[in-house]
Amino acid sequence: MTPEGQAHKSFYDQRVAAISGIYALLNGQASDEVKQSSFSATTALWDAIKAFTVETLPAAIAAYRVRPGSTELGRWRFCSGESIWAPP
């Protein structure tokens, strides 16, 4: 390894370890403890995404009083299932 590469070796070693862990999970070779930890982390992530999209985002849109016809309002109304053509 070159001296320049040696400076970044620890970073790449960490990346290889992380990828190896994901690979073990996907191939069913991870321990039950690792599987449970991964499941818990994934569940927490999706709970946070749900809270943001169902609670935080609608409240922020209402608080900023996005003006009708703006791109942000159209996008929100489309994603929420509302007609983008009906007046707010």
Protein backbone atom coordinates (compact mmCIF):
# COMPACT_ATOMS: atom_id res chain seq x y z
CA MET A 1 0.00 0.00 0.00
CA THR A 2 1.24 3.48 -0.81
CA PRO A 3 1.83 6.01 1.97
CA GLU A 4 -1.06 8.07 0.61
CA GLY A 5 -3.36 5.05 0.79
CA GLN A 6 -2.23 4.16 4.28
CA ALA A 7 -3.73 7.42 5.56
CA HIS A 8 -7.21 6.20 4.54
CA LYS A 9 -6.86 2.51 5.42
CA SER A 10 -8.88 2.66 8.64
CA PHE A 11 -11.80 4.31 6.81
CA TYR A 12 -11.93 1.56 4.19
CA ASP A 13 -11.49 -1.17 6.80
CA GLN A 14 -14.60 0.18 8.56
CA ARG A 15 -16.54 0.21 5.27
CA VAL A 16 -15.56 -3.40 4.53
CA ALA A 17 -16.69 -4.45 8.02
CA ALA A 18 -20.05 -2.70 7.59
CA ILE A 19 -20.65 -4.24 4.17
CA SER A 20 -19.68 -7.67 5.50
CA GLY A 21 -22.27 -7.31 8.26
CA ILE A 22 -25.01 -6.39 5.79
CA TYR A 23 -23.99 -9.26 3.54
CA ALA A 24 -24.25 -11.69 6.46
CA LEU A 25 -27.75 -10.41 7.27
CA LEU A 26 -28.93 -10.78 3.69
CA ASN A 27 -27.55 -14.30 3.39
CA GLY A 28 -28.99 -15.51 6.70
CA GLN A 29 -25.56 -15.97 8.25
CA ALA A 30 -25.89 -13.32 10.98
CA SER A 31 -26.45 -14.29 14.60
CA ASP A 32 -29.87 -13.88 16.19
CA GLU A 33 -28.52 -10.98 18.24
CA VAL A 34 -27.39 -9.13 15.09
CA LYS A 35 -30.71 -9.86 13.38
CA GLN A 36 -32.66 -8.49 16.36
CA SER A 37 -30.46 -5.39 16.53
CA SER A 38 -30.91 -4.75 12.82
CA PHE A 39 -34.68 -5.25 13.07
CA SER A 40 -34.89 -2.82 15.99
CA ALA A 41 -32.86 -0.18 14.16
CA THR A 42 -34.94 -0.57 11.00
CA THR A 43 -38.21 -0.36 12.93
CA ALA A 44 -37.03 2.81 14.70
CA LEU A 45 -36.09 4.36 11.36
CA TRP A 46 -39.50 3.63 9.82
CA ASP A 47 -41.27 4.93 12.94
CA ALA A 48 -39.32 8.19 12.60
CA ILE A 49 -40.18 8.44 8.90
CA LYS A 50 -43.86 7.85 9.69
CA ALA A 51 -43.88 10.51 12.43
CA PHE A 52 -42.27 13.01 10.06
CA THR A 53 -44.64 12.39 7.16
CA VAL A 54 -47.83 12.09 9.21
CA GLU A 55 -47.23 14.70 11.94
CA THR A 56 -44.25 17.00 11.38
CA LEU A 57 -44.58 17.70 7.67
CA PRO A 58 -48.31 18.54 7.66
CA ALA A 59 -47.85 20.81 10.68
CA ALA A 60 -44.93 22.60 9.01
CA ILE A 61 -46.90 23.10 5.81
CA ALA A 62 -49.82 24.52 7.77
CA ALA A 63 -47.53 26.76 9.83
CA TYR A 64 -45.80 28.23 6.79
CA ARG A 65 -49.12 28.81 5.02
CA VAL A 66 -47.81 27.75 1.65
CA ARG A 67 -49.61 29.85 -0.95
CA PRO A 68 -51.97 28.07 -3.34
CA GLY A 69 -50.41 27.12 -6.63
CA SER A 70 -46.88 26.88 -5.30
CA THR A 71 -44.81 23.84 -6.09
CA GLU A 72 -44.61 22.79 -2.45
CA LEU A 73 -48.38 22.82 -1.99
CA GLY A 74 -48.94 20.91 -5.23
CA ARG A 75 -46.43 18.29 -4.24
CA TRP A 76 -47.94 17.91 -0.75
CA ARG A 77 -51.48 17.67 -2.05
CA PHE A 78 -50.46 15.08 -4.64
CA CYS A 79 -48.65 12.96 -2.06
CA SER A 80 -51.50 13.23 0.43
CA GLY A 81 -54.03 11.97 -2.13
CA GLU A 82 -55.85 15.28 -2.54
CA SER A 83 -56.70 16.59 -5.97
CA ILE A 84 -54.02 19.04 -7.05
CA TRP A 85 -56.62 20.91 -9.13
CA ALA A 86 -59.15 21.61 -6.38
CA PRO A 87 -58.74 24.87 -4.46
CA PRO A 88 -57.20 24.51 -0.98
